PDB file of N, CA and C in Angstrom:
ATOM      1  N   MET A   1     124.100 197.850-115.065  1.00  0.00           N
ATOM      2  CA  MET A   1     122.741 196.688-115.455  1.00  0.00           C
ATOM      3  C   MET A   1     123.077 195.252-116.062  1.00  0.00           C
ATOM      4  N   PRO A   2     123.181 193.974-115.325  1.00  0.00           N
ATOM      5  CA  PRO A   2     123.165 192.859-116.522  1.00  0.00           C
ATOM      6  C   PRO A   2     121.876 192.373-117.112  1.00  0.00           C
ATOM      7  N   LEU A   3     122.043 192.439-118.458  1.00  0.00           N
ATOM      8  CA  LEU A   3     121.209 192.065-119.226  1.00  0.00           C
ATOM      9  C   LEU A   3     120.207 190.936-118.763  1.00  0.00           C
ATOM     10  N   ASN A   4     118.919 191.325-118.232  1.00  0.00           N
ATOM     11  CA  ASN A   4     118.079 190.617-118.268  1.00  0.00           C
ATOM     12  C   ASN A   4     117.971 189.116-119.671  1.00  0.00           C
ATOM     13  N   LEU A   5     117.908 187.891-119.709  1.00  0.00           N
ATOM     14  CA  LEU A   5     117.511 187.095-119.859  1.00  0.00           C
ATOM     15  C   LEU A   5     116.361 185.847-119.925  1.00  0.00           C
ATOM     16  N   LEU A   6     115.626 185.881-118.327  1.00  0.00           N
ATOM     17  CA  LEU A   6     114.791 185.126-117.617  1.00  0.00           C
ATOM     18  C   LEU A   6     113.180 185.979-118.477  1.00  0.00           C
ATOM     19  N   PRO A   7     112.004 185.599-119.063  1.00  0.00           N
ATOM     20  CA  PRO A   7     111.124 186.557-118.962  1.00  0.00           C
ATOM     21  C   PRO A   7     110.412 187.276-117.687  1.00  0.00           C
ATOM     22  N   ASN A   8     110.810 188.578-118.479  1.00  0.00           N
ATOM     23  CA  ASN A   8     110.457 189.561-117.618  1.00  0.00           C
ATOM     24  C   ASN A   8     109.213 191.196-117.644  1.00  0.00           C
ATOM     25  N   LEU A   9     108.388 189.746-118.516  1.00  0.00           N
ATOM     26  CA  LEU A   9     107.241 191.083-119.966  1.00  0.00           C
ATOM     27  C   LEU A   9     106.122 190.873-118.452  1.00  0.00           C
ATOM     28  N   SER A  10     105.067 191.898-118.368  1.00  0.00           N
ATOM     29  CA  SER A  10     104.210 192.518-117.424  1.00  0.00           C
ATOM     30  C   SER A  10     104.087 193.813-117.350  1.00  0.00           C
ATOM     31  N   GLU A  11     102.662 194.080-117.686  1.00  0.00           N
ATOM     32  CA  GLU A  11     102.001 194.913-117.640  1.00  0.00           C
ATOM     33  C   GLU A  11     101.377 195.071-116.236  1.00  0.00           C
ATOM     34  N   PRO A  12     101.674 196.808-115.910  1.00  0.00           N
ATOM     35  CA  PRO A  12     101.070 197.165-114.838  1.00  0.00           C
ATOM     36  C   PRO A  12      99.820 197.556-114.255  1.00  0.00           C
ATOM     37  N   GLY A  13      99.471 196.782-113.198  1.00  0.00           N
ATOM     38  CA  GLY A  13      97.990 195.993-112.824  1.00  0.00           C
ATOM     39  C   GLY A  13      97.079 195.113-113.592  1.00  0.00           C
ATOM     40  N   LYS A  14      97.840 194.570-114.326  1.00  0.00           N
ATOM     41  CA  LYS A  14      97.307 193.278-114.876  1.00  0.00           C
ATOM     42  C   LYS A  14      97.756 191.958-113.991  1.00  0.00           C
ATOM     43  N   ARG A  15      96.453 191.568-113.626  1.00  0.00           N
ATOM     44  CA  ARG A  15      97.159 189.415-113.035  1.00  0.00           C
ATOM     45  C   ARG A  15      97.384 188.807-114.141  1.00  0.00           C
ATOM     46  N   TYR A  16      98.461 187.818-113.896  1.00  0.00           N
ATOM     47  CA  TYR A  16      98.414 186.832-115.242  1.00  0.00           C
ATOM     48  C   TYR A  16      98.015 185.860-114.651  1.00  0.00           C
ATOM     49  N   PHE A  17      98.073 184.881-115.319  1.00  0.00           N
ATOM     50  CA  PHE A  17      97.533 183.406-114.301  1.00  0.00           C
ATOM     51  C   PHE A  17      99.220 182.288-114.421  1.00  0.00           C
ATOM     52  N   GLN A  18      99.371 182.474-116.274  1.00  0.00           N
ATOM     53  CA  GLN A  18     100.000 182.155-116.786  1.00  0.00           C
ATOM     54  C   GLN A  18     101.334 183.021-116.930  1.00  0.00           C
ATOM     55  N   THR A  19     101.961 181.784-116.698  1.00  0.00           N
ATOM     56  CA  THR A  19     103.647 182.959-116.890  1.00  0.00           C
ATOM     57  C   THR A  19     103.745 183.385-118.414  1.00  0.00           C
ATOM     58  N   PHE A  20     103.474 182.333-119.283  1.00  0.00           N
ATOM     59  CA  PHE A  20     103.603 182.807-121.130  1.00  0.00           C
ATOM     60  C   PHE A  20     102.653 183.456-121.527  1.00  0.00           C
ATOM     61  N   THR A  21     101.447 184.467-120.602  1.00  0.00           N
ATOM     62  CA  THR A  21     100.491 185.525-121.121  1.00  0.00           C
ATOM     63  C   THR A  21     101.103 186.744-121.386  1.00  0.00           C
ATOM     64  N   PRO A  22     101.891 187.031-120.409  1.00  0.00           N
ATOM     65  CA  PRO A  22     102.775 188.756-120.582  1.00  0.00           C
ATOM     66  C   PRO A  22     103.392 188.884-121.698  1.00  0.00           C
ATOM     67  N   GLY A  23     103.651 187.955-122.332  1.00  0.00           N
ATOM     68  CA  GLY A  23     104.815 186.805-123.594  1.00  0.00           C
ATOM     69  C   GLY A  23     104.350 187.343-124.900  1.00  0.00           C
ATOM     70  N   ASP A  24     102.800 186.731-124.626  1.00  0.00           N
ATOM     71  CA  ASP A  24     101.913 186.240-126.339  1.00  0.00           C
ATOM     72  C   ASP A  24     100.905 188.277-125.443  1.00  0.00           C
ATOM     73  N   ASP A  25     101.000 188.632-125.429  1.00  0.00           N
ATOM     74  CA  ASP A  25      99.929 189.711-124.871  1.00  0.00           C
ATOM     75  C   ASP A  25     101.546 190.596-126.010  1.00  0.00           C
ATOM     76  N   PHE A  26     102.135 191.396-125.329  1.00  0.00           N
ATOM     77  CA  PHE A  26     103.638 191.658-125.941  1.00  0.00           C
ATOM     78  C   PHE A  26     103.702 190.999-127.799  1.00  0.00           C
ATOM     79  N   TYR A  27     103.638 189.917-127.819  1.00  0.00           N
ATOM     80  CA  TYR A  27     103.968 189.205-129.578  1.00  0.00           C
ATOM     81  C   TYR A  27     102.383 189.381-130.168  1.00  0.00           C
ATOM     82  N   GLU A  28     101.668 189.718-129.529  1.00  0.00           N
ATOM     83  CA  GLU A  28     100.200 190.164-130.112  1.00  0.00           C
ATOM     84  C   GLU A  28     100.172 191.094-130.776  1.00  0.00           C
ATOM     85  N   ALA A  29     100.463 192.328-129.623  1.00  0.00           N
ATOM     86  CA  ALA A  29     100.572 193.079-129.974  1.00  0.00           C
ATOM     87  C   ALA A  29     101.797 193.861-131.030  1.00  0.00           C
ATOM     88  N   LEU A  30     103.090 193.366-131.392  1.00  0.00           N
ATOM     89  CA  LEU A  30     104.062 193.420-132.256  1.00  0.00           C
ATOM     90  C   LEU A  30     103.412 192.815-133.151  1.00  0.00           C
ATOM     91  N   ILE A  31     103.017 192.084-133.766  1.00  0.00           N
ATOM     92  CA  ILE A  31     101.934 192.265-134.737  1.00  0.00           C
ATOM     93  C   ILE A  31     100.787 192.861-135.181  1.00  0.00           C
ATOM     94  N   GLU A  32     100.308 193.561-134.781  1.00  0.00           N
ATOM     95  CA  GLU A  32      99.360 194.653-134.942  1.00  0.00           C
ATOM     96  C   GLU A  32      99.918 195.537-135.620  1.00  0.00           C
ATOM     97  N   THR A  33     101.248 195.884-134.477  1.00  0.00           N
ATOM     98  CA  THR A  33     101.926 196.877-134.926  1.00  0.00           C
ATOM     99  C   THR A  33     102.217 196.596-136.798  1.00  0.00           C
ATOM    100  N   HIS A  34     102.993 195.654-136.857  1.00  0.00           N
ATOM    101  CA  HIS A  34     103.516 195.636-138.040  1.00  0.00           C
ATOM    102  C   HIS A  34     102.494 194.862-139.154  1.00  0.00           C
ATOM    103  N   ARG A  35     100.776 195.231-139.142  1.00  0.00           N
ATOM    104  CA  ARG A  35      99.733 194.966-139.951  1.00  0.00           C
ATOM    105  C   ARG A  35      99.624 195.763-141.066  1.00  0.00           C
ATOM    106  N   ASP A  36      99.235 195.266-142.146  1.00  0.00           N
ATOM    107  CA  ASP A  36      99.352 195.893-143.043  1.00  0.00           C
ATOM    108  C   ASP A  36      99.914 197.051-143.100  1.00  0.00           C
ATOM    109  N   LEU A  37     101.108 196.571-143.613  1.00  0.00           N
ATOM    110  CA  LEU A  37     102.286 197.189-143.690  1.00  0.00           C
ATOM    111  C   LEU A  37     103.452 196.682-144.993  1.00  0.00           C
ATOM    112  N   THR A  38     103.993 196.785-145.510  1.00  0.00           N
ATOM    113  CA  THR A  38     105.359 196.704-146.424  1.00  0.00           C
ATOM    114  C   THR A  38     105.833 196.071-145.767  1.00  0.00           C
ATOM    115  N   ASP A  39     106.852 195.395-146.634  1.00  0.00           N
ATOM    116  CA  ASP A  39     108.191 194.923-145.593  1.00  0.00           C
ATOM    117  C   ASP A  39     109.250 195.989-145.687  1.00  0.00           C
ATOM    118  N   ASP A  40     109.303 196.949-146.547  1.00  0.00           N
ATOM    119  CA  ASP A  40     110.217 198.324-146.365  1.00  0.00           C
ATOM    120  C   ASP A  40     109.440 199.137-145.128  1.00  0.00           C
ATOM    121  N   GLN A  41     108.086 199.334-144.674  1.00  0.00           N
ATOM    122  CA  GLN A  41     107.536 199.236-143.896  1.00  0.00           C
ATOM    123  C   GLN A  41     107.713 199.183-142.853  1.00  0.00           C
ATOM    124  N   SER A  42     107.898 197.684-142.414  1.00  0.00           N
ATOM    125  CA  SER A  42     107.633 197.083-141.171  1.00  0.00           C
ATOM    126  C   SER A  42     109.664 197.386-140.853  1.00  0.00           C
ATOM    127  N   ALA A  43     109.838 196.704-141.798  1.00  0.00           N
ATOM    128  CA  ALA A  43     111.683 197.180-141.943  1.00  0.00           C
ATOM    129  C   ALA A  43     112.041 198.717-140.793  1.00  0.00           C
ATOM    130  N   LEU A  44     111.585 199.814-141.134  1.00  0.00           N
ATOM    131  CA  LEU A  44     111.464 200.892-140.369  1.00  0.00           C
ATOM    132  C   LEU A  44     111.117 200.481-139.279  1.00  0.00           C
ATOM    133  N   VAL A  45     109.761 200.456-138.729  1.00  0.00           N
ATOM    134  CA  VAL A  45     109.187 200.304-138.192  1.00  0.00           C
ATOM    135  C   VAL A  45     109.984 199.303-137.009  1.00  0.00           C
ATOM    136  N   ASN A  46     110.707 198.584-137.465  1.00  0.00           N
ATOM    137  CA  ASN A  46     111.508 197.811-136.272  1.00  0.00           C
ATOM    138  C   ASN A  46     112.956 198.876-135.979  1.00  0.00           C
ATOM    139  N   ALA A  47     113.709 199.117-136.874  1.00  0.00           N
ATOM    140  CA  ALA A  47     114.054 200.047-136.981  1.00  0.00           C
ATOM    141  C   ALA A  47     114.397 201.278-136.084  1.00  0.00           C
ATOM    142  N   LYS A  48     112.735 201.959-136.194  1.00  0.00           N
ATOM    143  CA  LYS A  48     112.372 202.617-134.978  1.00  0.00           C
ATOM    144  C   LYS A  48     111.867 202.548-133.309  1.00  0.00           C
ATOM    145  N   LEU A  49     111.782 200.831-132.986  1.00  0.00           N
ATOM    146  CA  LEU A  49     111.287 200.099-132.411  1.00  0.00           C
ATOM    147  C   LEU A  49     112.919 200.098-131.387  1.00  0.00           C
ATOM    148  N   VAL A  50     113.590 199.042-132.394  1.00  0.00           N
ATOM    149  CA  VAL A  50     114.847 199.493-132.025  1.00  0.00           C
ATOM    150  C   VAL A  50     115.409 200.249-130.987  1.00  0.00           C
ATOM    151  N   LEU A  51     115.586 201.481-131.583  1.00  0.00           N
ATOM    152  CA  LEU A  51     116.173 202.894-131.128  1.00  0.00           C
ATOM    153  C   LEU A  51     115.474 203.778-130.387  1.00  0.00           C
ATOM    154  N   LEU A  52     114.469 203.596-129.996  1.00  0.00           N
ATOM    155  CA  LEU A  52     113.400 203.917-129.015  1.00  0.00           C
ATOM    156  C   LEU A  52     113.637 202.893-127.956  1.00  0.00           C
ATOM    157  N   LEU A  53     113.733 202.240-127.659  1.00  0.00           N
ATOM    158  CA  LEU A  53     113.368 200.377-126.400  1.00  0.00           C
ATOM    159  C   LEU A  53     114.938 200.947-126.631  1.00  0.00           C
ATOM    160  N   SER A  54     115.849 201.135-127.079  1.00  0.00           N
ATOM    161  CA  SER A  54     117.549 201.629-126.645  1.00  0.00           C
ATOM    162  C   SER A  54     118.177 202.412-126.411  1.00  0.00           C
ATOM    163  N   ASN A  55     117.042 203.374-126.934  1.00  0.00           N
ATOM    164  CA  ASN A  55     116.901 204.770-125.319  1.00  0.00           C
ATOM    165  C   ASN A  55     116.214 204.986-124.259  1.00  0.00           C
ATOM    166  N   HIS A  56     115.642 203.576-124.135  1.00  0.00           N
ATOM    167  CA  HIS A  56     114.725 204.104-122.959  1.00  0.00           C
ATOM    168  C   HIS A  56     115.605 202.972-121.721  1.00  0.00           C
ATOM    169  N   VAL A  57     116.278 201.875-122.501  1.00  0.00           N
ATOM    170  CA  VAL A  57     117.584 201.038-121.648  1.00  0.00           C
ATOM    171  C   VAL A  57     118.575 201.783-121.177  1.00  0.00           C
ATOM    172  N   GLY A  58     118.937 203.072-122.300  1.00  0.00           N
ATOM    173  CA  GLY A  58     120.047 203.628-121.934  1.00  0.00           C
ATOM    174  C   GLY A  58     121.663 202.992-121.501  1.00  0.00           C
ATOM    175  N   ASP A  59     121.773 202.247-121.274  1.00  0.00           N
ATOM    176  CA  ASP A  59     123.015 201.309-120.624  1.00  0.00           C
ATOM    177  C   ASP A  59     123.768 200.253-121.689  1.00  0.00           C
ATOM    178  N   LEU A  60     124.753 201.315-122.386  1.00  0.00           N
ATOM    179  CA  LEU A  60     125.152 200.719-123.787  1.00  0.00           C
ATOM    180  C   LEU A  60     126.062 199.387-123.224  1.00  0.00           C
ATOM    181  N   THR A  61     126.643 198.764-121.922  1.00  0.00           N
ATOM    182  CA  THR A  61     126.969 197.840-121.647  1.00  0.00           C
ATOM    183  C   THR A  61     125.415 196.520-122.089  1.00  0.00           C
ATOM    184  N   VAL A  62     124.155 196.940-121.424  1.00  0.00           N
ATOM    185  CA  VAL A  62     123.731 195.643-121.786  1.00  0.00           C
ATOM    186  C   VAL A  62     123.470 196.050-123.449  1.00  0.00           C
ATOM    187  N   LEU A  63     123.625 197.429-124.130  1.00  0.00           N
ATOM    188  CA  LEU A  63     123.293 197.011-125.148  1.00  0.00           C
ATOM    189  C   LEU A  63     124.207 196.339-126.349  1.00  0.00           C
ATOM    190  N   ARG A  64     125.510 196.424-126.018  1.00  0.00           N
ATOM    191  CA  ARG A  64     125.843 195.491-126.802  1.00  0.00           C
ATOM    192  C   ARG A  64     125.979 194.460-126.551  1.00  0.00           C
ATOM    193  N   GLU A  65     125.566 193.583-125.262  1.00  0.00           N
ATOM    194  CA  GLU A  65     125.491 192.913-125.191  1.00  0.00           C
ATOM    195  C   GLU A  65     123.890 191.872-125.497  1.00  0.00           C
ATOM    196  N   ALA A  66     123.312 192.656-126.362  1.00  0.00           N
ATOM    197  CA  ALA A  66     122.377 192.232-126.657  1.00  0.00           C
ATOM    198  C   ALA A  66     123.093 191.679-127.543  1.00  0.00           C
ATOM    199  N   MET A  67     123.190 192.704-128.507  1.00  0.00           N
ATOM    200  CA  MET A  67     123.810 193.051-130.245  1.00  0.00           C
ATOM    201  C   MET A  67     124.250 191.872-130.111  1.00  0.00           C
ATOM    202  N   GLN A  68     125.145 191.893-129.400  1.00  0.00           N
ATOM    203  CA  GLN A  68     126.688 190.512-129.621  1.00  0.00           C
ATOM    204  C   GLN A  68     125.460 188.939-129.733  1.00  0.00           C
ATOM    205  N   ILE A  69     124.605 188.644-128.373  1.00  0.00           N
ATOM    206  CA  ILE A  69     124.020 187.496-128.313  1.00  0.00           C
ATOM    207  C   ILE A  69     122.800 187.547-129.316  1.00  0.00           C
ATOM    208  N   ALA A  70     121.833 189.034-130.065  1.00  0.00           N
ATOM    209  CA  ALA A  70     121.211 188.878-131.108  1.00  0.00           C
ATOM    210  C   ALA A  70     121.794 188.363-132.484  1.00  0.00           C
ATOM    211  N   ARG A  71     123.404 188.912-132.716  1.00  0.00           N
ATOM    212  CA  ARG A  71     123.294 188.598-133.202  1.00  0.00           C
ATOM    213  C   ARG A  71     124.562 186.728-133.299  1.00  0.00           C
ATOM    214  N   HIS A  72     124.569 186.456-133.176  1.00  0.00           N
ATOM    215  CA  HIS A  72     125.088 185.427-132.022  1.00  0.00           C
ATOM    216  C   HIS A  72     124.429 184.316-133.039  1.00  0.00           C
ATOM    217  N   ALA A  73     123.312 184.344-132.927  1.00  0.00           N
ATOM    218  CA  ALA A  73     122.256 183.889-133.200  1.00  0.00           C
ATOM    219  C   ALA A  73     122.116 183.536-134.365  1.00  0.00           C
ATOM    220  N   VAL A  74     122.153 184.540-135.025  1.00  0.00           N
ATOM    221  CA  VAL A  74     121.758 184.355-136.514  1.00  0.00           C
ATOM    222  C   VAL A  74     122.641 183.699-137.289  1.00  0.00           C
TER     223      VAL A  74
END
C-alpha cells in the first residue's frame, strides 16, 4: 500500500459539501484534544497518537515513507 498524500479524510455516514470540511473537522478535534494541556502533556498525547495511528496503519514501508517526508520538511 503506497502512502496516500491526497486529501483522504472523511467520516462514515456524513456528507460533506466542501472538500476541506473533513480536514477542518479533524483539525478542530486535534486542537480540542490538546486544550488545557501543558506542553509536556501535549507532547505525550502526540507521541501516543503517533503510536496508535502507526499501529493502525501497520505497514512499515508506508510508515518509513511518512517519517522521511515529515522529517524532510523540518
